[in-house]
């Protein structure tokens, strides 16, 4: 499975390492992903998701059911 957040859709970005002499080399900015289990009281089951830390904060704010509905509508979860 790739390094993509299942709630927000965040994925790694490409950028440059810039040295003091202004030499540039390619690098990747990885997403801070965590494997986390969430309890969904509507379906009475535990859900395992690979989410970014901002995705965890989003779930805490709006709730797991709403976050899952939005992620499915945006195509982040199939």
N, C-alpha and C. Protein backbone atom coordinates (compact mmCIF):
# COMPACT_ATOMS: atom_id res chain seq x y z
N UNK A 1 0.84 -1.18 0.00
CA UNK A 1 0.00 0.00 0.00
C UNK A 1 0.88 1.24 0.00
N UNK A 2 0.51 2.22 -0.77
CA UNK A 2 1.34 3.41 -0.90
C UNK A 2 1.18 4.34 0.31
N UNK A 3 2.07 5.33 0.37
CA UNK A 3 2.07 6.26 1.49
C UNK A 3 1.10 7.42 1.21
N UNK A 4 -0.20 7.11 1.29
CA UNK A 4 -1.25 8.10 1.08
C UNK A 4 -2.21 8.01 2.25
N UNK A 5 -2.58 9.17 2.79
CA UNK A 5 -3.55 9.23 3.88
C UNK A 5 -4.92 8.84 3.35
N UNK A 6 -5.63 7.96 4.06
CA UNK A 6 -6.93 7.49 3.60
C UNK A 6 -8.05 8.47 3.95
N UNK A 7 -7.78 9.49 4.74
CA UNK A 7 -8.80 10.47 5.09
C UNK A 7 -8.61 11.76 4.30
N UNK A 8 -7.41 12.30 4.26
CA UNK A 8 -7.17 13.58 3.60
C UNK A 8 -6.63 13.44 2.19
N UNK A 9 -6.09 12.27 1.83
CA UNK A 9 -5.51 12.09 0.50
C UNK A 9 -4.11 12.65 0.36
N UNK A 10 -3.50 13.07 1.48
CA UNK A 10 -2.14 13.61 1.40
C UNK A 10 -1.17 12.52 0.94
N UNK A 11 -0.19 12.94 0.13
CA UNK A 11 0.85 12.01 -0.32
C UNK A 11 2.17 12.76 -0.37
N UNK A 12 3.26 12.02 -0.62
CA UNK A 12 4.58 12.62 -0.58
C UNK A 12 4.75 13.64 -1.70
N UNK A 13 5.59 14.65 -1.42
CA UNK A 13 5.89 15.71 -2.37
C UNK A 13 7.36 15.63 -2.75
N UNK A 14 7.71 16.23 -3.87
CA UNK A 14 9.09 16.26 -4.33
C UNK A 14 9.61 17.68 -4.20
N UNK A 15 10.86 17.79 -3.71
CA UNK A 15 11.47 19.09 -3.57
C UNK A 15 12.97 18.97 -3.70
N UNK A 16 13.70 19.96 -3.20
CA UNK A 16 15.14 19.98 -3.30
C UNK A 16 15.79 20.10 -1.93
N UNK A 17 16.91 19.39 -1.75
CA UNK A 17 17.83 19.68 -0.67
C UNK A 17 18.73 20.80 -1.19
N UNK A 18 18.85 21.86 -0.43
CA UNK A 18 19.67 22.99 -0.87
C UNK A 18 20.82 23.14 0.12
N UNK A 19 22.05 23.00 -0.39
CA UNK A 19 23.23 23.11 0.47
C UNK A 19 23.58 24.58 0.70
N UNK A 20 24.54 24.81 1.55
CA UNK A 20 25.01 26.17 1.84
C UNK A 20 25.58 26.81 0.57
N UNK A 21 26.17 25.98 -0.31
CA UNK A 21 26.71 26.48 -1.58
C UNK A 21 25.63 26.57 -2.66
N UNK A 22 24.36 26.39 -2.25
CA UNK A 22 23.20 26.48 -3.14
C UNK A 22 23.16 25.37 -4.19
N UNK A 23 23.82 24.23 -3.90
CA UNK A 23 23.68 23.05 -4.76
C UNK A 23 22.34 22.41 -4.46
N UNK A 24 21.67 21.94 -5.49
CA UNK A 24 20.34 21.38 -5.32
C UNK A 24 20.32 19.91 -5.74
N UNK A 25 19.74 19.08 -4.89
CA UNK A 25 19.54 17.68 -5.23
C UNK A 25 18.12 17.30 -4.83
N UNK A 26 17.53 16.41 -5.59
CA UNK A 26 16.14 16.04 -5.36
C UNK A 26 15.97 15.28 -4.05
N UNK A 27 14.81 15.50 -3.42
CA UNK A 27 14.45 14.77 -2.21
C UNK A 27 12.94 14.64 -2.17
N UNK A 28 12.46 13.82 -1.23
CA UNK A 28 11.02 13.63 -1.07
C UNK A 28 10.61 14.09 0.33
N UNK A 29 9.48 14.75 0.40
CA UNK A 29 8.87 15.12 1.67
C UNK A 29 7.79 14.09 1.96
N UNK A 30 8.02 13.21 2.92
CA UNK A 30 7.07 12.15 3.23
C UNK A 30 5.98 12.64 4.17
N UNK A 31 4.82 12.02 4.09
CA UNK A 31 3.69 12.32 4.95
C UNK A 31 3.88 11.59 6.27
N UNK A 32 3.49 12.24 7.37
CA UNK A 32 3.58 11.62 8.69
C UNK A 32 2.38 10.69 8.88
N UNK A 33 2.52 9.44 8.40
CA UNK A 33 1.42 8.47 8.45
C UNK A 33 1.51 7.59 9.69
N UNK A 34 0.34 7.27 10.22
CA UNK A 34 0.22 6.40 11.38
C UNK A 34 -0.83 5.34 11.07
N UNK A 35 -0.57 4.11 11.48
CA UNK A 35 -1.60 3.07 11.42
C UNK A 35 -2.41 3.17 12.70
N UNK A 36 -3.71 3.42 12.57
CA UNK A 36 -4.53 3.70 13.74
C UNK A 36 -5.87 3.01 13.60
N UNK A 37 -6.38 2.52 14.73
CA UNK A 37 -7.70 1.91 14.77
C UNK A 37 -8.69 2.90 15.36
N UNK A 38 -9.85 3.01 14.74
CA UNK A 38 -10.92 3.88 15.21
C UNK A 38 -12.17 3.04 15.43
N UNK A 39 -12.91 3.38 16.47
CA UNK A 39 -14.17 2.70 16.75
C UNK A 39 -15.31 3.49 16.15
N UNK A 40 -16.11 2.83 15.32
CA UNK A 40 -17.28 3.45 14.71
C UNK A 40 -18.53 2.95 15.43
N UNK A 41 -19.15 3.79 16.28
CA UNK A 41 -20.31 3.32 17.03
C UNK A 41 -21.54 3.10 16.15
N UNK A 42 -21.62 3.73 14.98
CA UNK A 42 -22.78 3.52 14.10
C UNK A 42 -22.84 2.10 13.57
N UNK A 43 -21.67 1.55 13.21
CA UNK A 43 -21.63 0.18 12.70
C UNK A 43 -21.14 -0.81 13.75
N UNK A 44 -20.77 -0.30 14.93
CA UNK A 44 -20.30 -1.12 16.06
C UNK A 44 -19.10 -1.99 15.66
N UNK A 45 -18.11 -1.37 14.99
CA UNK A 45 -16.92 -2.11 14.60
C UNK A 45 -15.69 -1.21 14.65
N UNK A 46 -14.53 -1.83 14.70
CA UNK A 46 -13.25 -1.13 14.68
C UNK A 46 -12.77 -1.05 13.24
N UNK A 47 -12.22 0.11 12.87
CA UNK A 47 -11.73 0.34 11.51
C UNK A 47 -10.25 0.68 11.59
N UNK A 48 -9.41 -0.04 10.84
CA UNK A 48 -7.98 0.26 10.76
C UNK A 48 -7.73 1.15 9.56
N UNK A 49 -7.09 2.28 9.79
CA UNK A 49 -6.80 3.22 8.72
C UNK A 49 -5.34 3.63 8.77
N UNK A 50 -4.80 3.97 7.62
CA UNK A 50 -3.48 4.58 7.52
C UNK A 50 -3.72 6.07 7.31
N UNK A 51 -3.57 6.86 8.39
CA UNK A 51 -3.93 8.27 8.34
C UNK A 51 -2.75 9.15 8.73
N UNK A 52 -2.74 10.36 8.19
CA UNK A 52 -1.75 11.35 8.59
C UNK A 52 -2.17 11.94 9.93
N UNK A 53 -1.25 12.64 10.58
CA UNK A 53 -1.57 13.24 11.87
C UNK A 53 -2.63 14.32 11.71
N UNK A 54 -2.62 15.04 10.59
CA UNK A 54 -3.68 16.01 10.36
C UNK A 54 -5.02 15.30 10.11
N UNK A 55 -4.98 14.10 9.56
CA UNK A 55 -6.19 13.30 9.38
C UNK A 55 -6.76 12.85 10.71
N UNK A 56 -5.89 12.52 11.66
CA UNK A 56 -6.34 12.15 13.01
C UNK A 56 -7.02 13.34 13.67
N UNK A 57 -6.45 14.53 13.52
CA UNK A 57 -7.05 15.73 14.09
C UNK A 57 -8.41 16.01 13.43
N UNK A 58 -8.50 15.76 12.13
CA UNK A 58 -9.76 15.95 11.42
C UNK A 58 -10.83 14.99 11.95
N UNK A 59 -10.46 13.73 12.17
CA UNK A 59 -11.39 12.74 12.71
C UNK A 59 -11.83 13.14 14.12
N UNK A 60 -10.91 13.64 14.92
CA UNK A 60 -11.28 14.08 16.27
C UNK A 60 -12.25 15.26 16.23
N UNK A 61 -12.15 16.08 15.21
CA UNK A 61 -12.99 17.28 15.11
C UNK A 61 -14.39 16.94 14.61
N UNK A 62 -14.51 16.20 13.52
CA UNK A 62 -15.82 15.96 12.89
C UNK A 62 -16.41 14.59 13.21
N UNK A 63 -15.61 13.65 13.72
CA UNK A 63 -16.10 12.31 14.00
C UNK A 63 -15.73 11.34 12.89
N UNK A 64 -15.62 10.07 13.26
CA UNK A 64 -15.16 9.06 12.31
C UNK A 64 -16.18 8.83 11.20
N UNK A 65 -17.47 8.85 11.51
CA UNK A 65 -18.49 8.57 10.50
C UNK A 65 -18.49 9.66 9.43
N UNK A 66 -18.46 10.92 9.84
CA UNK A 66 -18.45 12.03 8.88
C UNK A 66 -17.18 12.03 8.06
N UNK A 67 -16.04 11.79 8.72
CA UNK A 67 -14.76 11.77 8.01
C UNK A 67 -14.73 10.66 6.97
N UNK A 68 -15.27 9.48 7.31
CA UNK A 68 -15.31 8.37 6.36
C UNK A 68 -16.21 8.71 5.16
N UNK A 69 -17.36 9.33 5.42
CA UNK A 69 -18.26 9.69 4.32
C UNK A 69 -17.59 10.67 3.37
N UNK A 70 -16.89 11.67 3.92
CA UNK A 70 -16.20 12.65 3.08
C UNK A 70 -15.06 12.00 2.29
N UNK A 71 -14.32 11.07 2.94
CA UNK A 71 -13.22 10.40 2.26
C UNK A 71 -13.72 9.52 1.12
N UNK A 72 -14.84 8.86 1.33
CA UNK A 72 -15.42 8.03 0.27
C UNK A 72 -15.92 8.91 -0.87
N UNK A 73 -16.54 10.04 -0.54
CA UNK A 73 -17.05 10.95 -1.57
C UNK A 73 -15.90 11.53 -2.40
N UNK A 74 -14.75 11.78 -1.76
CA UNK A 74 -13.58 12.33 -2.47
C UNK A 74 -12.75 11.27 -3.15
N UNK A 75 -13.05 9.99 -2.93
CA UNK A 75 -12.36 8.91 -3.60
C UNK A 75 -11.08 8.47 -2.91
N UNK A 76 -10.86 8.86 -1.65
CA UNK A 76 -9.67 8.45 -0.93
C UNK A 76 -9.81 7.04 -0.38
N UNK A 77 -11.04 6.62 -0.13
CA UNK A 77 -11.33 5.25 0.32
C UNK A 77 -12.26 4.64 -0.71
N UNK A 78 -11.96 3.39 -1.07
CA UNK A 78 -12.79 2.72 -2.08
C UNK A 78 -13.78 1.79 -1.43
